[in-house]
N, C-alpha and C. Protein backbone atom coordinates (compact mmCIF):
# COMPACT_ATOMS: atom_id res chain seq x y z
N UNK A 1 368.20 -48.81 -87.46
CA UNK A 1 368.94 -50.05 -87.61
C UNK A 1 368.00 -51.22 -87.29
N UNK A 2 367.85 -52.15 -88.23
CA UNK A 2 367.03 -53.34 -88.02
C UNK A 2 367.79 -54.36 -87.19
N UNK A 3 367.09 -54.97 -86.25
CA UNK A 3 367.75 -55.97 -85.42
C UNK A 3 367.45 -57.39 -85.88
N UNK A 4 366.33 -57.58 -86.56
CA UNK A 4 366.02 -58.90 -87.09
C UNK A 4 365.04 -58.78 -88.25
N UNK A 5 365.07 -59.79 -89.08
CA UNK A 5 364.16 -59.87 -90.22
C UNK A 5 363.33 -61.13 -90.10
N UNK A 6 362.15 -61.08 -90.65
CA UNK A 6 361.33 -62.28 -90.75
C UNK A 6 360.89 -62.40 -92.21
N UNK A 7 361.21 -63.50 -92.85
CA UNK A 7 360.85 -63.73 -94.23
C UNK A 7 359.55 -64.51 -94.30
N UNK A 8 358.70 -64.14 -95.25
CA UNK A 8 357.44 -64.82 -95.49
C UNK A 8 357.47 -65.42 -96.89
N UNK A 9 356.90 -66.60 -97.03
CA UNK A 9 356.73 -67.18 -98.36
C UNK A 9 355.42 -66.64 -98.92
N UNK A 10 355.48 -65.99 -100.07
CA UNK A 10 354.32 -65.30 -100.61
C UNK A 10 354.16 -65.54 -102.11
N UNK A 11 352.93 -65.42 -102.56
CA UNK A 11 352.61 -65.40 -103.98
C UNK A 11 351.60 -64.27 -104.15
N UNK A 12 352.01 -63.23 -104.84
CA UNK A 12 351.17 -62.05 -104.95
C UNK A 12 350.30 -62.02 -106.21
N UNK A 13 350.20 -63.15 -106.91
CA UNK A 13 349.30 -63.21 -108.05
C UNK A 13 348.67 -64.59 -108.14
N UNK A 14 347.84 -64.89 -107.16
CA UNK A 14 347.12 -66.16 -107.12
C UNK A 14 345.79 -65.96 -107.84
N UNK A 15 345.56 -66.75 -108.88
CA UNK A 15 344.33 -66.63 -109.67
C UNK A 15 343.19 -67.37 -109.00
N UNK A 16 342.00 -66.80 -109.01
CA UNK A 16 340.83 -67.52 -108.54
C UNK A 16 340.26 -68.33 -109.70
N UNK A 17 339.40 -69.29 -109.40
CA UNK A 17 338.81 -70.09 -110.48
C UNK A 17 337.60 -69.43 -111.14
N UNK A 18 337.40 -68.12 -110.95
CA UNK A 18 336.24 -67.45 -111.56
C UNK A 18 336.27 -67.53 -113.09
N UNK A 19 337.44 -67.50 -113.67
CA UNK A 19 337.54 -67.60 -115.12
C UNK A 19 337.76 -69.06 -115.50
N UNK A 20 336.67 -69.82 -115.52
CA UNK A 20 336.74 -71.25 -115.77
C UNK A 20 337.31 -71.63 -117.12
N UNK A 21 337.24 -70.71 -118.08
CA UNK A 21 337.77 -71.02 -119.42
C UNK A 21 339.27 -71.24 -119.39
N UNK A 22 339.96 -70.68 -118.41
CA UNK A 22 341.42 -70.79 -118.35
C UNK A 22 341.88 -71.66 -117.19
N UNK A 23 340.98 -72.42 -116.61
CA UNK A 23 341.34 -73.28 -115.47
C UNK A 23 341.21 -74.73 -115.91
N UNK A 24 342.31 -75.47 -115.79
CA UNK A 24 342.31 -76.88 -116.16
C UNK A 24 342.04 -77.79 -114.97
N UNK A 25 342.06 -77.26 -113.77
CA UNK A 25 341.90 -78.04 -112.56
C UNK A 25 340.42 -78.31 -112.28
N UNK A 26 339.98 -79.52 -112.54
CA UNK A 26 338.56 -79.86 -112.35
C UNK A 26 338.13 -79.75 -110.90
N UNK A 27 339.06 -79.93 -109.95
CA UNK A 27 338.72 -79.84 -108.53
C UNK A 27 338.27 -78.43 -108.14
N UNK A 28 338.67 -77.43 -108.91
CA UNK A 28 338.34 -76.05 -108.58
C UNK A 28 337.43 -75.38 -109.60
N UNK A 29 337.10 -76.06 -110.68
CA UNK A 29 336.26 -75.45 -111.70
C UNK A 29 334.89 -75.14 -111.13
N UNK A 30 334.42 -73.94 -111.34
CA UNK A 30 333.14 -73.49 -110.80
C UNK A 30 332.04 -73.66 -111.83
N UNK A 31 330.89 -74.08 -111.38
CA UNK A 31 329.74 -74.20 -112.26
C UNK A 31 328.94 -72.91 -112.29
N UNK A 32 327.92 -72.88 -113.12
CA UNK A 32 327.07 -71.70 -113.21
C UNK A 32 326.17 -71.55 -111.99
N UNK A 33 325.71 -72.65 -111.43
CA UNK A 33 324.94 -72.61 -110.20
C UNK A 33 325.90 -72.81 -109.03
N UNK A 34 326.21 -71.73 -108.35
CA UNK A 34 327.18 -71.81 -107.26
C UNK A 34 326.56 -72.38 -105.98
N UNK A 35 325.29 -72.04 -105.75
CA UNK A 35 324.57 -72.53 -104.57
C UNK A 35 323.24 -73.10 -105.05
N UNK A 36 323.26 -74.33 -105.55
CA UNK A 36 322.01 -74.90 -106.04
C UNK A 36 321.03 -75.12 -104.88
N UNK A 37 319.77 -75.14 -105.22
CA UNK A 37 318.74 -75.40 -104.21
C UNK A 37 318.65 -76.91 -103.96
N UNK A 38 318.74 -77.26 -102.69
CA UNK A 38 318.56 -78.65 -102.27
C UNK A 38 317.45 -78.63 -101.23
N UNK A 39 316.37 -79.34 -101.52
CA UNK A 39 315.19 -79.32 -100.65
C UNK A 39 314.71 -77.89 -100.41
N UNK A 40 314.76 -77.06 -101.45
CA UNK A 40 314.26 -75.69 -101.37
C UNK A 40 315.22 -74.69 -100.74
N UNK A 41 316.37 -75.14 -100.24
CA UNK A 41 317.33 -74.25 -99.59
C UNK A 41 318.58 -74.10 -100.45
N UNK A 42 319.13 -72.88 -100.48
CA UNK A 42 320.40 -72.67 -101.18
C UNK A 42 321.50 -73.43 -100.44
N UNK A 43 322.30 -74.18 -101.20
CA UNK A 43 323.35 -74.99 -100.59
C UNK A 43 324.70 -74.59 -101.18
N UNK A 44 325.57 -74.08 -100.33
CA UNK A 44 326.90 -73.62 -100.76
C UNK A 44 327.96 -74.68 -100.51
N UNK A 45 327.57 -75.91 -100.22
CA UNK A 45 328.51 -76.97 -99.87
C UNK A 45 329.65 -77.16 -100.86
N UNK A 46 329.32 -77.23 -102.14
CA UNK A 46 330.37 -77.46 -103.15
C UNK A 46 331.28 -76.24 -103.27
N UNK A 47 330.72 -75.05 -103.23
CA UNK A 47 331.51 -73.83 -103.32
C UNK A 47 332.44 -73.71 -102.11
N UNK A 48 331.94 -74.03 -100.94
CA UNK A 48 332.76 -74.01 -99.73
C UNK A 48 333.87 -75.04 -99.83
N UNK A 49 333.55 -76.22 -100.33
CA UNK A 49 334.55 -77.28 -100.49
C UNK A 49 335.67 -76.84 -101.43
N UNK A 50 335.31 -76.16 -102.51
CA UNK A 50 336.32 -75.68 -103.47
C UNK A 50 337.19 -74.59 -102.84
N UNK A 51 336.59 -73.72 -102.05
CA UNK A 51 337.38 -72.68 -101.36
C UNK A 51 338.35 -73.32 -100.38
N UNK A 52 337.90 -74.36 -99.67
CA UNK A 52 338.78 -75.05 -98.73
C UNK A 52 339.90 -75.79 -99.46
N UNK A 53 339.60 -76.37 -100.62
CA UNK A 53 340.63 -77.02 -101.43
C UNK A 53 341.69 -76.01 -101.85
N UNK A 54 341.25 -74.84 -102.28
CA UNK A 54 342.14 -73.75 -102.69
C UNK A 54 343.05 -73.37 -101.51
N UNK A 55 342.47 -73.18 -100.34
CA UNK A 55 343.25 -72.82 -99.15
C UNK A 55 344.20 -73.93 -98.75
N UNK A 56 343.75 -75.18 -98.85
CA UNK A 56 344.60 -76.32 -98.51
C UNK A 56 345.83 -76.35 -99.40
N UNK A 57 345.64 -76.06 -100.67
CA UNK A 57 346.78 -76.06 -101.59
C UNK A 57 347.77 -74.95 -101.25
N UNK A 58 347.26 -73.80 -100.86
CA UNK A 58 348.15 -72.71 -100.43
C UNK A 58 348.92 -73.14 -99.19
N UNK A 59 348.24 -73.81 -98.28
CA UNK A 59 348.87 -74.30 -97.06
C UNK A 59 349.95 -75.33 -97.39
N UNK A 60 349.64 -76.27 -98.30
CA UNK A 60 350.61 -77.30 -98.68
C UNK A 60 351.87 -76.69 -99.29
N UNK A 61 351.70 -75.58 -99.99
CA UNK A 61 352.84 -74.88 -100.58
C UNK A 61 353.56 -73.97 -99.58
N UNK A 62 353.04 -73.97 -98.35
CA UNK A 62 353.59 -73.18 -97.26
C UNK A 62 353.55 -71.69 -97.54
N UNK A 63 352.52 -71.26 -98.28
CA UNK A 63 352.35 -69.83 -98.54
C UNK A 63 351.79 -69.16 -97.29
N UNK A 64 352.45 -68.12 -96.85
CA UNK A 64 352.00 -67.39 -95.67
C UNK A 64 351.22 -66.14 -96.05
N UNK A 65 351.44 -65.66 -97.27
CA UNK A 65 350.75 -64.48 -97.78
C UNK A 65 350.37 -64.76 -99.23
N UNK A 66 349.12 -64.45 -99.59
CA UNK A 66 348.74 -64.54 -101.00
C UNK A 66 348.05 -63.24 -101.39
N UNK A 67 348.26 -62.86 -102.62
CA UNK A 67 347.54 -61.74 -103.22
C UNK A 67 346.62 -62.32 -104.27
N UNK A 68 345.33 -62.10 -104.11
CA UNK A 68 344.33 -62.68 -105.01
C UNK A 68 344.20 -61.83 -106.27
N UNK A 69 344.28 -62.49 -107.41
CA UNK A 69 344.04 -61.83 -108.69
C UNK A 69 342.68 -62.30 -109.19
N UNK A 70 341.74 -61.40 -109.21
CA UNK A 70 340.39 -61.73 -109.66
C UNK A 70 340.00 -60.65 -110.66
N UNK A 71 339.95 -60.99 -111.91
CA UNK A 71 339.72 -60.01 -112.97
C UNK A 71 338.25 -59.76 -113.25
N UNK A 72 337.41 -60.04 -112.27
CA UNK A 72 335.97 -59.81 -112.41
C UNK A 72 335.37 -60.55 -113.60
N UNK A 73 335.81 -61.79 -113.81
CA UNK A 73 335.27 -62.58 -114.90
C UNK A 73 333.88 -63.12 -114.58
N UNK A 74 333.54 -63.14 -113.30
CA UNK A 74 332.27 -63.73 -112.90
C UNK A 74 331.10 -62.87 -113.36
N UNK A 75 330.11 -63.53 -113.90
CA UNK A 75 328.87 -62.85 -114.26
C UNK A 75 327.84 -63.02 -113.15
N UNK A 76 328.25 -63.65 -112.06
CA UNK A 76 327.38 -63.91 -110.93
C UNK A 76 327.22 -62.62 -110.12
N UNK A 77 325.99 -62.27 -109.77
CA UNK A 77 325.74 -60.99 -109.10
C UNK A 77 325.71 -61.07 -107.58
N UNK A 78 325.27 -62.18 -107.01
CA UNK A 78 325.15 -62.29 -105.56
C UNK A 78 326.53 -62.57 -104.96
N UNK A 79 327.03 -61.71 -104.07
CA UNK A 79 328.36 -61.91 -103.47
C UNK A 79 328.52 -63.25 -102.75
N UNK A 80 327.43 -63.84 -102.26
CA UNK A 80 327.55 -65.14 -101.60
C UNK A 80 327.85 -66.25 -102.59
N UNK A 81 327.69 -65.98 -103.88
CA UNK A 81 328.01 -66.95 -104.92
C UNK A 81 329.41 -66.75 -105.49
N UNK A 82 330.09 -65.73 -105.05
CA UNK A 82 331.46 -65.47 -105.53
C UNK A 82 332.45 -66.36 -104.81
N UNK A 83 333.38 -66.88 -105.54
CA UNK A 83 334.44 -67.71 -104.95
C UNK A 83 335.22 -66.91 -103.90
N UNK A 84 335.53 -65.67 -104.21
CA UNK A 84 336.34 -64.85 -103.31
C UNK A 84 335.65 -64.63 -101.97
N UNK A 85 334.34 -64.45 -101.96
CA UNK A 85 333.59 -64.30 -100.71
C UNK A 85 333.73 -65.56 -99.87
N UNK A 86 333.55 -66.70 -100.49
CA UNK A 86 333.67 -67.96 -99.75
C UNK A 86 335.11 -68.20 -99.30
N UNK A 87 336.07 -67.81 -100.12
CA UNK A 87 337.48 -67.97 -99.76
C UNK A 87 337.80 -67.20 -98.48
N UNK A 88 337.35 -65.95 -98.42
CA UNK A 88 337.60 -65.12 -97.23
C UNK A 88 336.90 -65.74 -96.02
N UNK A 89 335.66 -66.18 -96.18
CA UNK A 89 334.92 -66.76 -95.06
C UNK A 89 335.58 -68.05 -94.58
N UNK A 90 336.03 -68.89 -95.50
CA UNK A 90 336.65 -70.15 -95.10
C UNK A 90 338.04 -69.94 -94.51
N UNK A 91 338.71 -68.90 -94.92
CA UNK A 91 340.05 -68.62 -94.40
C UNK A 91 340.00 -68.36 -92.89
N UNK A 92 338.88 -67.88 -92.41
CA UNK A 92 338.73 -67.62 -90.96
C UNK A 92 338.79 -68.91 -90.16
N UNK A 93 338.50 -70.05 -90.80
CA UNK A 93 338.47 -71.32 -90.07
C UNK A 93 339.74 -72.15 -90.27
N UNK A 94 340.73 -71.59 -90.93
CA UNK A 94 341.95 -72.34 -91.22
C UNK A 94 342.79 -72.49 -89.95
N UNK A 95 343.25 -73.69 -89.71
CA UNK A 95 344.19 -73.97 -88.63
C UNK A 95 345.54 -74.23 -89.28
N UNK A 96 346.38 -73.24 -89.32
CA UNK A 96 347.64 -73.37 -90.03
C UNK A 96 348.61 -74.36 -89.39
N UNK A 97 348.36 -74.77 -88.16
CA UNK A 97 349.22 -75.77 -87.54
C UNK A 97 348.81 -77.19 -87.93
N UNK A 98 347.55 -77.35 -88.36
CA UNK A 98 347.06 -78.67 -88.68
C UNK A 98 346.41 -78.75 -90.06
N UNK A 99 346.52 -77.73 -90.86
CA UNK A 99 345.92 -77.73 -92.19
C UNK A 99 344.49 -77.24 -92.14
N UNK A 100 343.83 -77.24 -93.28
CA UNK A 100 342.46 -76.74 -93.38
C UNK A 100 341.50 -77.77 -92.86
């Protein structure tokens, strides 16, 4: 016998911006160079910013659970250049009481 329930707001098919051909949102559109070299160093600033924007939007929609749909559209080989890798890393820094 259940004594209480807790409901979560969820979206179990959240698309990543890896398939840029089907993404109209310029704020999240990914370029071919995910971590361009700046002063000889790889810089993930823009990719991190896009991952944080993605998380912020989930937060604004009050989503407590998301299921990521990533159909492996990326031709990028280095996992540090994948949006999903950055999304997971940035999610660790989310403060759900105060936003991203």
